[in-house]
Amino acid sequence: MTGLAERRLLLLSMYPLDTGTASGPTVRISHLRDQLALRVRLEVVLGARWSRGWALMGYVAQGRLRGLSGVYVESSTALPGPIDLLVMALARFRRLPVLTYIRNAYQLFPEYYVADSWKRRISRAAFRPSIWLLARASTNVVRGAECGVVVPDTAEGLAAEIAEVVSATPDRIRAWGEAGRRAAAENSWQVRADRILELLGVRP
């Protein structure tokens, strides 16, 4: 039986790594890259849009999509470029599983992202279904771990939850913190890497 170490996985990162500047996205991607590399034969294409695009075209031209077990995409706050989409479409055409991590979406906040063109309007609309699902998943995590309160998207709900936090006893706040630490420990980088492979169906 083919072992996990012999399975090839493409990690497509829409951020450059190892630049000497740490940020939330690059820290996350670097940890997952290191953990995935311990489990499979990991191939990484990364960088800003156009440098990444040239690298992807070379990757496809060399026939390296053949034999892949899956593609894992770490998206940025911007929409994928045309070459990103083309490669993902080619992967799906070859019936390869493609898993995308959705980071966040400034497109949903008009104070930060003015939809003043057709491209920006499409971008904002495209993020809505994904963010709705992401919000539900985050809500389940917080409620399931009992590590805080979930703030609704209404003025009345927001006021009620803020009042609950402000009036919380020190023991309750301490319990939230302890529950949050337990939840973080249960979702280590090792666990997350294993979950990525599970979702992609990459098994021995």
C-alpha atoms as a PDB file:
ATOM      1  CA  MET A   1       0.000   0.000   0.000  1.00  0.00           C
ATOM      2  CA  THR A   2       1.287   3.456  -0.864  1.00  0.00           C
ATOM      3  CA  GLY A   3       2.278   5.352   2.267  1.00  0.00           C
ATOM      4  CA  LEU A   4       1.446   8.963   3.025  1.00  0.00           C
ATOM      5  CA  ALA A   5       5.097   9.910   2.578  1.00  0.00           C
ATOM      6  CA  GLU A   6       4.810   8.891  -1.074  1.00  0.00           C
ATOM      7  CA  ARG A   7       1.712  11.009  -1.759  1.00  0.00           C
ATOM      8  CA  ARG A   8       2.330  14.317  -3.541  1.00  0.00           C
ATOM      9  CA  LEU A   9       0.434  17.416  -2.468  1.00  0.00           C
ATOM     10  CA  LEU A  10       0.592  20.910  -3.978  1.00  0.00           C
ATOM     11  CA  LEU A  11       0.429  23.788  -1.506  1.00  0.00           C
ATOM     12  CA  LEU A  12      -0.566  26.987  -3.316  1.00  0.00           C
ATOM     13  CA  SER A  13       0.153  29.958  -1.075  1.00  0.00           C
ATOM     14  CA  MET A  14      -0.987  33.409  -2.149  1.00  0.00           C
ATOM     15  CA  TYR A  15       1.544  34.937   0.243  1.00  0.00           C
ATOM     16  CA  PRO A  16       5.349  34.873   0.003  1.00  0.00           C
ATOM     17  CA  LEU A  17       7.007  33.052   2.899  1.00  0.00           C
ATOM     18  CA  ASP A  18      10.406  33.245   4.588  1.00  0.00           C
ATOM     19  CA  THR A  19      10.780  36.927   3.740  1.00  0.00           C
ATOM     20  CA  GLY A  20      11.901  37.864   7.245  1.00  0.00           C
ATOM     21  CA  THR A  21       8.604  39.618   7.945  1.00  0.00           C
ATOM     22  CA  ALA A  22       6.118  37.646  10.033  1.00  0.00           C
ATOM     23  CA  SER A  23       2.387  38.253   9.767  1.00  0.00           C
ATOM     24  CA  GLY A  24      -0.703  36.302  10.756  1.00  0.00           C
ATOM     25  CA  PRO A  25      -1.112  34.618   7.353  1.00  0.00           C
ATOM     26  CA  THR A  26       2.573  33.790   6.848  1.00  0.00           C
ATOM     27  CA  VAL A  27       2.929  32.354  10.362  1.00  0.00           C
ATOM     28  CA  ARG A  28      -0.068  30.093   9.780  1.00  0.00           C
ATOM     29  CA  ILE A  29       1.038  28.964   6.332  1.00  0.00           C
ATOM     30  CA  SER A  30       4.630  28.355   7.449  1.00  0.00           C
ATOM     31  CA  HIS A  31       3.505  26.124  10.329  1.00  0.00           C
ATOM     32  CA  LEU A  32       1.155  24.143   8.087  1.00  0.00           C
ATOM     33  CA  ARG A  33       3.795  23.844   5.370  1.00  0.00           C
ATOM     34  CA  ASP A  34       6.243  22.377   7.874  1.00  0.00           C
ATOM     35  CA  GLN A  35       3.682  19.925   9.272  1.00  0.00           C
ATOM     36  CA  LEU A  36       2.410  18.830   5.867  1.00  0.00           C
ATOM     37  CA  ALA A  37       5.980  18.276   4.686  1.00  0.00           C
ATOM     38  CA  LEU A  38       6.414  15.731   7.481  1.00  0.00           C
ATOM     39  CA  ARG A  39       3.448  13.744   6.172  1.00  0.00           C
ATOM     40  CA  VAL A  40       3.509  13.928   2.365  1.00  0.00           C
ATOM     41  CA  ARG A  41       5.787  14.904  -0.497  1.00  0.00           C
ATOM     42  CA  LEU A  42       4.880  18.569  -0.413  1.00  0.00           C
ATOM     43  CA  GLU A  43       5.402  20.828  -3.420  1.00  0.00           C
ATOM     44  CA  VAL A  44       4.972  24.558  -2.794  1.00  0.00           C
ATOM     45  CA  VAL A  45       4.121  27.373  -5.188  1.00  0.00           C
ATOM     46  CA  LEU A  46       3.856  30.766  -3.531  1.00  0.00           C
ATOM     47  CA  GLY A  47       4.311  34.488  -3.841  1.00  0.00           C
ATOM     48  CA  ALA A  48       2.527  37.571  -5.117  1.00  0.00           C
ATOM     49  CA  ARG A  49       0.041  37.236  -7.968  1.00  0.00           C
ATOM     50  CA  TRP A  50       2.258  37.538 -11.033  1.00  0.00           C
ATOM     51  CA  SER A  51       5.362  35.794  -9.685  1.00  0.00           C
ATOM     52  CA  ARG A  52       3.104  32.997  -8.457  1.00  0.00           C
ATOM     53  CA  GLY A  53       1.390  32.892 -11.838  1.00  0.00           C
ATOM     54  CA  TRP A  54       4.652  32.390 -13.728  1.00  0.00           C
ATOM     55  CA  ALA A  55       5.643  29.646 -11.296  1.00  0.00           C
ATOM     56  CA  LEU A  56       2.272  27.933 -11.747  1.00  0.00           C
ATOM     57  CA  MET A  57       2.541  28.021 -15.524  1.00  0.00           C
ATOM     58  CA  GLY A  58       5.941  26.373 -15.269  1.00  0.00           C
ATOM     59  CA  TYR A  59       4.533  23.798 -12.860  1.00  0.00           C
ATOM     60  CA  VAL A  60       1.764  22.843 -15.293  1.00  0.00           C
ATOM     61  CA  ALA A  61       4.042  22.935 -18.352  1.00  0.00           C
ATOM     62  CA  GLN A  62       6.353  20.415 -16.690  1.00  0.00           C
ATOM     63  CA  GLY A  63       3.409  18.040 -16.266  1.00  0.00           C
ATOM     64  CA  ARG A  64       3.601  18.109 -12.501  1.00  0.00           C
ATOM     65  CA  LEU A  65      -0.170  18.000 -12.027  1.00  0.00           C
ATOM     66  CA  ARG A  66       0.078  14.347 -13.036  1.00  0.00           C
ATOM     67  CA  GLY A  67       0.332  12.089 -10.033  1.00  0.00           C
ATOM     68  CA  LEU A  68      -0.786  14.684  -7.491  1.00  0.00           C
ATOM     69  CA  SER A  69      -3.028  13.520  -4.656  1.00  0.00           C
ATOM     70  CA  GLY A  70      -4.567  16.957  -4.151  1.00  0.00           C
ATOM     71  CA  VAL A  71      -4.186  20.731  -4.058  1.00  0.00           C
ATOM     72  CA  TYR A  72      -4.376  22.817  -0.888  1.00  0.00           C
ATOM     73  CA  VAL A  73      -4.864  26.574  -1.399  1.00  0.00           C
ATOM     74  CA  GLU A  74      -4.089  29.233   1.198  1.00  0.00           C
ATOM     75  CA  SER A  75      -5.988  32.229  -0.156  1.00  0.00           C
ATOM     76  CA  SER A  76      -5.362  35.887   0.541  1.00  0.00           C
ATOM     77  CA  THR A  77      -7.866  38.678   1.109  1.00  0.00           C
ATOM     78  CA  ALA A  78      -7.768  39.370  -2.640  1.00  0.00           C
ATOM     79  CA  LEU A  79      -9.474  37.212  -5.219  1.00  0.00           C
ATOM     80  CA  PRO A  80      -7.338  34.566  -6.978  1.00  0.00           C
ATOM     81  CA  GLY A  81      -5.680  35.601 -10.197  1.00  0.00           C
ATOM     82  CA  PRO A  82      -6.668  34.165 -13.597  1.00  0.00           C
ATOM     83  CA  ILE A  83      -3.755  31.725 -13.584  1.00  0.00           C
ATOM     84  CA  ASP A  84      -4.688  30.508 -10.084  1.00  0.00           C
ATOM     85  CA  LEU A  85      -8.216  29.822 -11.314  1.00  0.00           C
ATOM     86  CA  LEU A  86      -6.968  28.113 -14.465  1.00  0.00           C
ATOM     87  CA  VAL A  87      -4.715  25.749 -12.505  1.00  0.00           C
ATOM     88  CA  MET A  88      -7.465  24.940 -10.010  1.00  0.00           C
ATOM     89  CA  ALA A  89      -9.839  24.263 -12.916  1.00  0.00           C
ATOM     90  CA  LEU A  90      -7.257  21.966 -14.515  1.00  0.00           C
ATOM     91  CA  ALA A  91      -6.876  20.146 -11.207  1.00  0.00           C
ATOM     92  CA  ARG A  92     -10.623  19.631 -10.963  1.00  0.00           C
ATOM     93  CA  PHE A  93     -10.726  18.520 -14.608  1.00  0.00           C
ATOM     94  CA  ARG A  94      -8.224  15.839 -13.612  1.00  0.00           C
ATOM     95  CA  ARG A  95     -10.547  15.002 -10.706  1.00  0.00           C
ATOM     96  CA  LEU A  96      -8.028  16.117  -8.117  1.00  0.00           C
ATOM     97  CA  PRO A  97      -9.448  17.300  -4.790  1.00  0.00           C
ATOM     98  CA  VAL A  98      -8.920  21.032  -4.190  1.00  0.00           C
ATOM     99  CA  LEU A  99      -9.269  22.477  -0.680  1.00  0.00           C
ATOM    100  CA  THR A 100      -9.227  26.244  -0.101  1.00  0.00           C
ATOM    101  CA  TYR A 101      -8.679  28.056   3.190  1.00  0.00           C
ATOM    102  CA  ILE A 102     -10.683  31.295   3.232  1.00  0.00           C
ATOM    103  CA  ARG A 103      -8.877  33.871   5.302  1.00  0.00           C
ATOM    104  CA  ASN A 104     -11.242  36.834   5.548  1.00  0.00           C
ATOM    105  CA  ALA A 105     -13.122  39.184   3.281  1.00  0.00           C
ATOM    106  CA  TYR A 106     -12.713  42.934   3.429  1.00  0.00           C
ATOM    107  CA  GLN A 107     -15.113  42.909   0.489  1.00  0.00           C
ATOM    108  CA  LEU A 108     -18.026  42.586   2.915  1.00  0.00           C
ATOM    109  CA  PHE A 109     -17.189  45.815   4.760  1.00  0.00           C
ATOM    110  CA  PRO A 110     -18.113  48.892   2.709  1.00  0.00           C
ATOM    111  CA  GLU A 111     -16.079  51.215   4.922  1.00  0.00           C
ATOM    112  CA  TYR A 112     -12.923  49.362   3.833  1.00  0.00           C
ATOM    113  CA  TYR A 113     -13.914  48.177   0.362  1.00  0.00           C
ATOM    114  CA  VAL A 114     -15.916  50.500  -1.866  1.00  0.00           C
ATOM    115  CA  ALA A 115     -17.701  48.519  -4.590  1.00  0.00           C
ATOM    116  CA  ASP A 116     -17.242  51.217  -7.219  1.00  0.00           C
ATOM    117  CA  SER A 117     -16.618  48.965 -10.224  1.00  0.00           C
ATOM    118  CA  TRP A 118     -18.086  45.783 -11.714  1.00  0.00           C
ATOM    119  CA  LYS A 119     -15.013  43.808 -10.610  1.00  0.00           C
ATOM    120  CA  ARG A 120     -15.371  44.942  -7.015  1.00  0.00           C
ATOM    121  CA  ARG A 121     -19.118  44.251  -7.005  1.00  0.00           C
ATOM    122  CA  ILE A 122     -18.490  40.707  -8.253  1.00  0.00           C
ATOM    123  CA  SER A 123     -15.749  40.288  -5.675  1.00  0.00           C
ATOM    124  CA  ARG A 124     -18.018  41.352  -2.826  1.00  0.00           C
ATOM    125  CA  ALA A 125     -20.861  39.102  -3.971  1.00  0.00           C
ATOM    126  CA  ALA A 126     -18.550  36.102  -4.426  1.00  0.00           C
ATOM    127  CA  PHE A 127     -17.439  36.185  -0.801  1.00  0.00           C
ATOM    128  CA  ARG A 128     -20.908  36.220   0.756  1.00  0.00           C
ATOM    129  CA  PRO A 129     -21.711  32.457   0.679  1.00  0.00           C
ATOM    130  CA  SER A 130     -18.246  31.507   1.917  1.00  0.00           C
ATOM    131  CA  ILE A 131     -18.240  33.999   4.760  1.00  0.00           C
ATOM    132  CA  TRP A 132     -21.739  32.933   5.807  1.00  0.00           C
ATOM    133  CA  LEU A 133     -20.512  29.343   6.146  1.00  0.00           C
ATOM    134  CA  LEU A 134     -17.319  30.471   7.873  1.00  0.00           C
ATOM    135  CA  ALA A 135     -19.300  32.518  10.402  1.00  0.00           C
ATOM    136  CA  ARG A 136     -21.439  29.493  11.241  1.00  0.00           C
ATOM    137  CA  ALA A 137     -18.352  27.312  11.723  1.00  0.00           C
ATOM    138  CA  SER A 138     -16.674  29.908  13.960  1.00  0.00           C
ATOM    139  CA  THR A 139     -19.863  30.207  15.999  1.00  0.00           C
ATOM    140  CA  ASN A 140     -19.906  26.452  16.533  1.00  0.00           C
ATOM    141  CA  VAL A 141     -16.280  26.469  17.689  1.00  0.00           C
ATOM    142  CA  VAL A 142     -16.797  29.245  20.258  1.00  0.00           C
ATOM    143  CA  ARG A 143     -20.053  27.831  21.575  1.00  0.00           C
ATOM    144  CA  GLY A 144     -18.842  24.254  21.545  1.00  0.00           C
ATOM    145  CA  ALA A 145     -15.683  25.097  23.486  1.00  0.00           C
ATOM    146  CA  GLU A 146     -17.572  27.491  25.797  1.00  0.00           C
ATOM    147  CA  CYS A 147     -14.691  29.941  25.494  1.00  0.00           C
ATOM    148  CA  GLY A 148     -16.606  33.183  24.997  1.00  0.00           C
ATOM    149  CA  VAL A 149     -19.746  34.769  23.623  1.00  0.00           C
ATOM    150  CA  VAL A 150     -20.960  34.924  20.041  1.00  0.00           C
ATOM    151  CA  VAL A 151     -21.921  38.432  18.946  1.00  0.00           C
ATOM    152  CA  PRO A 152     -24.941  38.641  16.582  1.00  0.00           C
ATOM    153  CA  ASP A 153     -24.924  41.028  13.626  1.00  0.00           C
ATOM    154  CA  THR A 154     -27.724  43.213  14.975  1.00  0.00           C
ATOM    155  CA  ALA A 155     -27.440  46.325  17.125  1.00  0.00           C
ATOM    156  CA  GLU A 156     -29.661  44.814  19.817  1.00  0.00           C
ATOM    157  CA  GLY A 157     -27.755  41.538  19.883  1.00  0.00           C
ATOM    158  CA  LEU A 158     -24.414  43.328  19.949  1.00  0.00           C
ATOM    159  CA  ALA A 159     -25.501  45.456  22.917  1.00  0.00           C
ATOM    160  CA  ALA A 160     -26.743  42.389  24.814  1.00  0.00           C
ATOM    161  CA  GLU A 161     -23.531  40.419  24.325  1.00  0.00           C
ATOM    162  CA  ILE A 162     -21.334  43.384  25.263  1.00  0.00           C
ATOM    163  CA  ALA A 163     -23.381  43.759  28.442  1.00  0.00           C
ATOM    164  CA  GLU A 164     -22.854  40.056  29.177  1.00  0.00           C
ATOM    165  CA  VAL A 165     -19.085  40.364  28.778  1.00  0.00           C
ATOM    166  CA  VAL A 166     -18.872  43.547  30.853  1.00  0.00           C
ATOM    167  CA  SER A 167     -20.934  42.039  33.672  1.00  0.00           C
ATOM    168  CA  ALA A 168     -19.159  38.672  33.672  1.00  0.00           C
ATOM    169  CA  THR A 169     -17.588  37.632  36.950  1.00  0.00           C
ATOM    170  CA  PRO A 170     -13.815  37.085  37.186  1.00  0.00           C
ATOM    171  CA  ASP A 171     -14.434  33.346  37.586  1.00  0.00           C
ATOM    172  CA  ARG A 172     -16.429  33.238  34.367  1.00  0.00           C
ATOM    173  CA  ILE A 173     -13.803  35.197  32.450  1.00  0.00           C
ATOM    174  CA  ARG A 174     -11.131  32.872  33.806  1.00  0.00           C
ATOM    175  CA  ALA A 175     -13.223  29.852  32.715  1.00  0.00           C
ATOM    176  CA  TRP A 176     -13.511  31.312  29.195  1.00  0.00           C
ATOM    177  CA  GLY A 177      -9.744  31.723  29.041  1.00  0.00           C
ATOM    178  CA  GLU A 178      -9.048  28.194  30.252  1.00  0.00           C
ATOM    179  CA  ALA A 179     -11.566  26.760  27.778  1.00  0.00           C
ATOM    180  CA  GLY A 180      -9.944  28.764  24.983  1.00  0.00           C
ATOM    181  CA  ARG A 181      -6.502  27.403  25.873  1.00  0.00           C
ATOM    182  CA  ARG A 182      -7.855  23.851  25.845  1.00  0.00           C
ATOM    183  CA  ALA A 183      -9.486  24.419  22.450  1.00  0.00           C
ATOM    184  CA  ALA A 184      -6.213  25.818  21.069  1.00  0.00           C
ATOM    185  CA  ALA A 185      -4.259  22.827  22.378  1.00  0.00           C
ATOM    186  CA  GLU A 186      -6.753  20.442  20.800  1.00  0.00           C
ATOM    187  CA  ASN A 187      -6.300  22.205  17.452  1.00  0.00           C
ATOM    188  CA  SER A 188      -2.515  22.205  17.202  1.00  0.00           C
ATOM    189  CA  TRP A 189      -0.707  22.605  13.891  1.00  0.00           C
ATOM    190  CA  GLN A 190      -0.279  18.830  13.782  1.00  0.00           C
ATOM    191  CA  VAL A 191      -4.028  18.315  14.187  1.00  0.00           C
ATOM    192  CA  ARG A 192      -4.785  20.934  11.529  1.00  0.00           C
ATOM    193  CA  ALA A 193      -2.388  19.333   9.041  1.00  0.00           C
ATOM    194  CA  ASP A 194      -3.991  15.942   9.618  1.00  0.00           C
ATOM    195  CA  ARG A 195      -7.423  17.502   9.112  1.00  0.00           C
ATOM    196  CA  ILE A 196      -6.349  19.041   5.790  1.00  0.00           C
ATOM    197  CA  LEU A 197      -5.210  15.644   4.523  1.00  0.00           C
ATOM    198  CA  GLU A 198      -8.423  14.067   5.770  1.00  0.00           C
ATOM    199  CA  LEU A 199     -10.578  16.616   3.940  1.00  0.00           C
ATOM    200  CA  LEU A 200      -8.565  16.092   0.772  1.00  0.00           C
ATOM    201  CA  GLY A 201      -8.943  12.349   1.111  1.00  0.00           C
ATOM    202  CA  VAL A 202      -5.174  11.842   1.152  1.00  0.00           C
ATOM    203  CA  ARG A 203      -4.698   8.549   2.985  1.00  0.00           C
ATOM    204  CA  PRO A 204      -2.109   5.759   3.013  1.00  0.00           C
END
